[in-house]
Amino acid sequence: MTLGPILIITCAAFILLWLVFALIFYIFKGVGMYTISRRRQLSASALAWIPFISMFKLGQIADDAVLKKRGRRTHYVALYPIFLIAGGVLSGVSTFLNLVAIRFSPELVDSIFRGEIDMLQRNAQEAISDPVFYIGLAIAAISYILLAIASVFLNVSLFHIYKSCTGKYIVFFVLSLVFSFLYPIFLFVVRKNDSPIWYPAGPVQKETDYYGTENTY
């Protein structure tokens, strides 16, 4: 078997595996955020199930938790998505410019799948002298900074959500820092818990007395 079919099969297997894990984490994250939002009677709970838009719901839940504890809004509902979207857009732009610089084409892809890298090496050497390549690198650096800031706001939001749900919030927060891709599972685990510091304990039928008394939208 030549290199081309091997690469195709390997890529297909990785893509399929990634899609399976993405679906699993999507379900855990959706159930977790939707349940927390409904329990606290926040607006637009269904946003938890919409890809990309769900990041606004995560920020809203964090805002509500801080509002209950400190009586002020932190606007994580906007800060995390804004930096994430801006970083993602610039990352896409930088990728496009770098592909232009190396003269990406179907012929180049075909040569790579055939195991011939001479064309790729030649294009890469020529790209080094192309200003477009360095513009792409500069934009990529900016995108990394914006995505790093978005990551900070994500982790801060998760910290407040965990703290509003459980007394073991430090454990969940540290695990989210170390294994960031697992936070959807952690949201699922804590979805039915409420810290008495954030949300006063009371009979189930009285939950509406303190859940959702303020909205962040």
Protein backbone atom coordinates (compact mmCIF):
# COMPACT_ATOMS: atom_id res chain seq x y z
CA MET A 1 0.00 0.00 0.00
CA THR A 2 1.40 3.40 -1.01
CA LEU A 3 1.66 6.40 1.28
CA GLY A 4 -1.43 8.10 -0.24
CA PRO A 5 -4.07 5.50 0.77
CA ILE A 6 -2.43 5.13 4.19
CA LEU A 7 -2.70 8.88 4.80
CA ILE A 8 -6.31 8.92 3.63
CA ILE A 9 -7.31 6.01 5.88
CA THR A 10 -5.44 7.47 8.85
CA CYS A 11 -7.02 10.91 8.41
CA ALA A 12 -10.48 9.39 8.00
CA ALA A 13 -10.04 7.33 11.18
CA PHE A 14 -8.88 10.37 13.18
CA ILE A 15 -11.75 12.49 11.86
CA LEU A 16 -14.30 9.80 12.73
CA LEU A 17 -12.83 9.37 16.22
CA TRP A 18 -12.82 13.14 16.74
CA LEU A 19 -16.47 13.39 15.67
CA VAL A 20 -17.50 10.66 18.12
CA PHE A 21 -15.75 12.35 21.05
CA ALA A 22 -17.05 15.77 19.97
CA LEU A 23 -20.63 14.42 20.01
CA ILE A 24 -20.15 12.87 23.46
CA PHE A 25 -18.74 16.07 24.94
CA TYR A 26 -21.43 18.12 23.17
CA ILE A 27 -24.16 16.07 24.88
CA PHE A 28 -22.51 16.29 28.32
CA LYS A 29 -22.01 20.04 27.98
CA GLY A 30 -25.54 20.63 26.68
CA VAL A 31 -27.20 18.63 29.45
CA GLY A 32 -25.02 20.24 32.11
CA MET A 33 -25.57 23.87 31.13
CA TYR A 34 -29.23 23.37 30.21
CA THR A 35 -29.98 21.78 33.59
CA ILE A 36 -28.18 24.50 35.56
CA SER A 37 -29.88 27.23 33.54
CA ARG A 38 -33.35 25.73 34.00
CA ARG A 39 -32.85 25.17 37.73
CA ARG A 40 -31.90 28.81 38.15
CA GLN A 41 -34.61 29.99 35.75
CA LEU A 42 -32.26 31.92 33.50
CA SER A 43 -33.45 33.16 30.13
CA ALA A 44 -32.92 31.26 26.85
CA SER A 45 -31.83 27.93 28.39
CA ALA A 46 -32.05 26.30 24.95
CA LEU A 47 -28.89 28.21 23.94
CA ALA A 48 -26.98 25.51 25.82
CA TRP A 49 -27.69 23.16 22.89
CA ILE A 50 -26.66 25.46 20.04
CA PRO A 51 -23.02 24.99 18.93
CA PHE A 52 -20.83 28.09 19.36
CA ILE A 53 -23.79 30.10 20.71
CA SER A 54 -23.63 27.95 23.86
CA MET A 55 -20.55 29.91 24.96
CA PHE A 56 -22.89 32.84 25.70
CA LYS A 57 -24.96 30.57 27.95
CA LEU A 58 -21.84 29.48 29.86
CA GLY A 59 -20.97 33.13 30.47
CA GLN A 60 -24.54 33.89 31.52
CA ILE A 61 -24.51 31.13 34.15
CA ALA A 62 -21.21 32.45 35.53
CA ASP A 63 -22.57 36.02 35.59
CA ASP A 64 -25.65 34.89 37.49
CA ALA A 65 -23.53 33.08 40.10
CA VAL A 66 -21.38 36.15 40.74
CA LEU A 67 -24.46 38.38 40.80
CA LYS A 68 -26.05 36.21 43.51
CA LYS A 69 -22.90 36.23 45.65
CA ARG A 70 -21.51 39.73 45.11
CA GLY A 71 -24.47 41.68 43.78
CA ARG A 72 -22.65 42.86 40.66
CA ARG A 73 -22.38 41.85 37.03
CA THR A 74 -19.11 40.60 35.55
CA HIS A 75 -20.19 40.36 31.88
CA TYR A 76 -18.52 37.00 31.23
CA VAL A 77 -21.50 36.42 28.94
CA ALA A 78 -19.80 38.77 26.46
CA LEU A 79 -16.10 38.79 27.37
CA TYR A 80 -15.38 35.11 26.77
CA PRO A 81 -17.24 34.88 23.40
CA ILE A 82 -15.84 38.16 22.07
CA PHE A 83 -12.20 37.16 22.58
CA LEU A 84 -12.86 33.60 21.37
CA ILE A 85 -14.58 34.75 18.18
CA ALA A 86 -11.97 37.43 17.47
CA GLY A 87 -9.12 34.97 18.03
CA GLY A 88 -10.79 32.34 15.88
CA VAL A 89 -11.38 34.74 13.00
CA LEU A 90 -7.79 35.99 13.04
CA SER A 91 -6.54 32.42 13.24
CA GLY A 92 -8.51 31.62 10.10
CA VAL A 93 -7.12 34.69 8.34
CA SER A 94 -3.54 33.78 9.25
CA THR A 95 -4.05 30.21 8.03
CA PHE A 96 -5.41 31.49 4.71
CA LEU A 97 -2.45 33.87 4.23
CA ASN A 98 0.04 31.11 5.00
CA LEU A 99 -1.65 28.80 2.50
CA VAL A 100 -1.44 31.57 -0.09
CA ALA A 101 2.25 32.04 0.70
CA ILE A 102 3.08 28.36 0.10
CA ARG A 103 0.86 28.37 -3.02
CA PHE A 104 -1.49 25.71 -1.69
CA SER A 105 -3.24 23.90 -4.54
CA PRO A 106 -4.81 20.55 -5.46
CA GLU A 107 -1.56 19.68 -7.23
CA LEU A 108 0.36 20.22 -3.99
CA VAL A 109 -2.06 18.03 -2.03
CA ASP A 110 -1.85 15.34 -4.69
CA SER A 111 1.95 15.34 -4.58
CA ILE A 112 1.88 14.99 -0.79
CA PHE A 113 -0.51 12.03 -0.95
CA ARG A 114 1.81 10.41 -3.50
CA GLY A 115 4.61 10.73 -1.00
CA GLU A 116 6.44 13.35 -3.04
CA ILE A 117 7.50 16.30 -0.89
CA ASP A 118 9.76 18.09 -3.35
CA MET A 119 7.00 20.48 -4.41
CA LEU A 120 6.11 21.23 -0.78
CA GLN A 121 9.74 21.93 0.11
CA ARG A 122 10.17 24.19 -2.90
CA ASN A 123 7.02 26.15 -2.12
CA ALA A 124 7.98 26.46 1.55
CA GLN A 125 11.40 27.84 0.68
CA GLU A 126 9.84 30.41 -1.63
CA ALA A 127 7.26 31.35 1.02
CA ILE A 128 10.04 32.43 3.39
CA SER A 129 10.79 35.37 1.10
CA ASP A 130 7.11 36.29 0.67
CA PRO A 131 5.83 39.20 2.86
CA VAL A 132 2.41 37.56 2.94
CA PHE A 133 3.91 34.72 4.97
CA TYR A 134 5.17 37.07 7.69
CA ILE A 135 1.91 39.00 7.77
CA GLY A 136 0.20 35.67 8.37
CA LEU A 137 2.62 34.89 11.20
CA ALA A 138 1.98 38.30 12.81
CA ILE A 139 -1.77 37.82 12.64
CA ALA A 140 -1.35 34.30 14.04
CA ALA A 141 0.56 35.72 17.02
CA ILE A 142 -2.27 38.18 17.72
CA SER A 143 -4.83 35.40 17.41
CA TYR A 144 -2.91 33.29 19.96
CA ILE A 145 -2.98 36.19 22.42
CA LEU A 146 -6.73 36.70 21.97
CA LEU A 147 -7.40 32.97 22.32
CA ALA A 148 -5.26 32.90 25.48
CA ILE A 149 -7.34 35.73 26.95
CA ALA A 150 -10.51 33.86 25.96
CA SER A 151 -9.15 30.80 27.76
CA VAL A 152 -8.62 32.88 30.90
CA PHE A 153 -12.23 34.11 30.82
CA LEU A 154 -13.44 30.56 30.17
CA ASN A 155 -11.60 29.23 33.20
CA VAL A 156 -12.74 32.12 35.39
CA SER A 157 -16.32 31.46 34.30
CA LEU A 158 -15.95 27.76 35.07
CA PHE A 159 -14.50 28.62 38.47
CA HIS A 160 -17.61 30.63 39.41
CA ILE A 161 -19.94 27.97 38.02
CA TYR A 162 -18.21 25.18 39.95
CA LYS A 163 -18.19 27.28 43.10
CA SER A 164 -21.91 27.95 42.75
CA CYS A 165 -22.55 24.22 42.42
CA THR A 166 -20.31 22.37 44.83
CA GLY A 167 -17.97 22.73 47.79
CA LYS A 168 -15.41 20.69 45.84
CA TYR A 169 -15.06 23.42 43.24
CA ILE A 170 -11.26 23.60 43.61
CA VAL A 171 -10.94 19.98 42.51
CA PHE A 172 -13.09 20.53 39.44
CA PHE A 173 -11.33 23.78 38.61
CA VAL A 174 -7.85 22.27 38.81
CA LEU A 175 -8.95 19.31 36.71
CA SER A 176 -10.38 21.73 34.14
CA LEU A 177 -7.05 23.55 34.00
CA VAL A 178 -5.07 20.35 33.54
CA PHE A 179 -7.57 18.54 31.31
CA SER A 180 -9.38 21.44 29.69
CA PHE A 181 -11.21 19.25 27.17
CA LEU A 182 -13.05 17.48 30.02
CA TYR A 183 -14.92 20.49 31.40
CA PRO A 184 -18.19 19.49 29.63
CA ILE A 185 -18.19 16.30 31.73
CA PHE A 186 -17.56 18.29 34.91
CA LEU A 187 -20.50 20.59 34.10
CA PHE A 188 -22.64 17.47 33.69
CA VAL A 189 -21.48 16.08 37.05
CA VAL A 190 -22.28 19.25 39.05
CA ARG A 191 -25.45 20.21 37.16
CA LYS A 192 -27.87 19.38 40.01
CA ASN A 193 -25.78 20.73 42.87
CA ASP A 194 -26.00 24.16 44.45
CA SER A 195 -23.63 25.76 46.93
CA PRO A 196 -25.53 27.24 49.89
CA ILE A 197 -23.13 30.19 49.78
CA TRP A 198 -24.42 31.12 46.33
CA TYR A 199 -27.96 29.75 46.50
CA PRO A 200 -29.56 29.45 49.96
CA ALA A 201 -30.80 26.00 50.86
CA GLY A 202 -34.54 25.55 51.02
CA PRO A 203 -37.43 23.24 50.22
CA VAL A 204 -37.68 22.22 46.57
CA GLN A 205 -41.01 23.97 46.20
CA LYS A 206 -39.37 27.23 47.28
CA GLU A 207 -36.57 27.16 44.71
CA THR A 208 -38.17 29.95 42.70
CA ASP A 209 -37.73 32.23 45.70
CA TYR A 210 -34.02 32.48 45.02
CA TYR A 211 -33.34 30.99 41.58
CA GLY A 212 -33.31 33.36 38.69
CA THR A 213 -34.32 36.50 40.60
CA GLU A 214 -31.93 38.35 38.30
CA ASN A 215 -31.06 37.70 34.66
CA THR A 216 -27.85 38.66 32.90
CA TYR A 217 -29.49 39.42 29.59
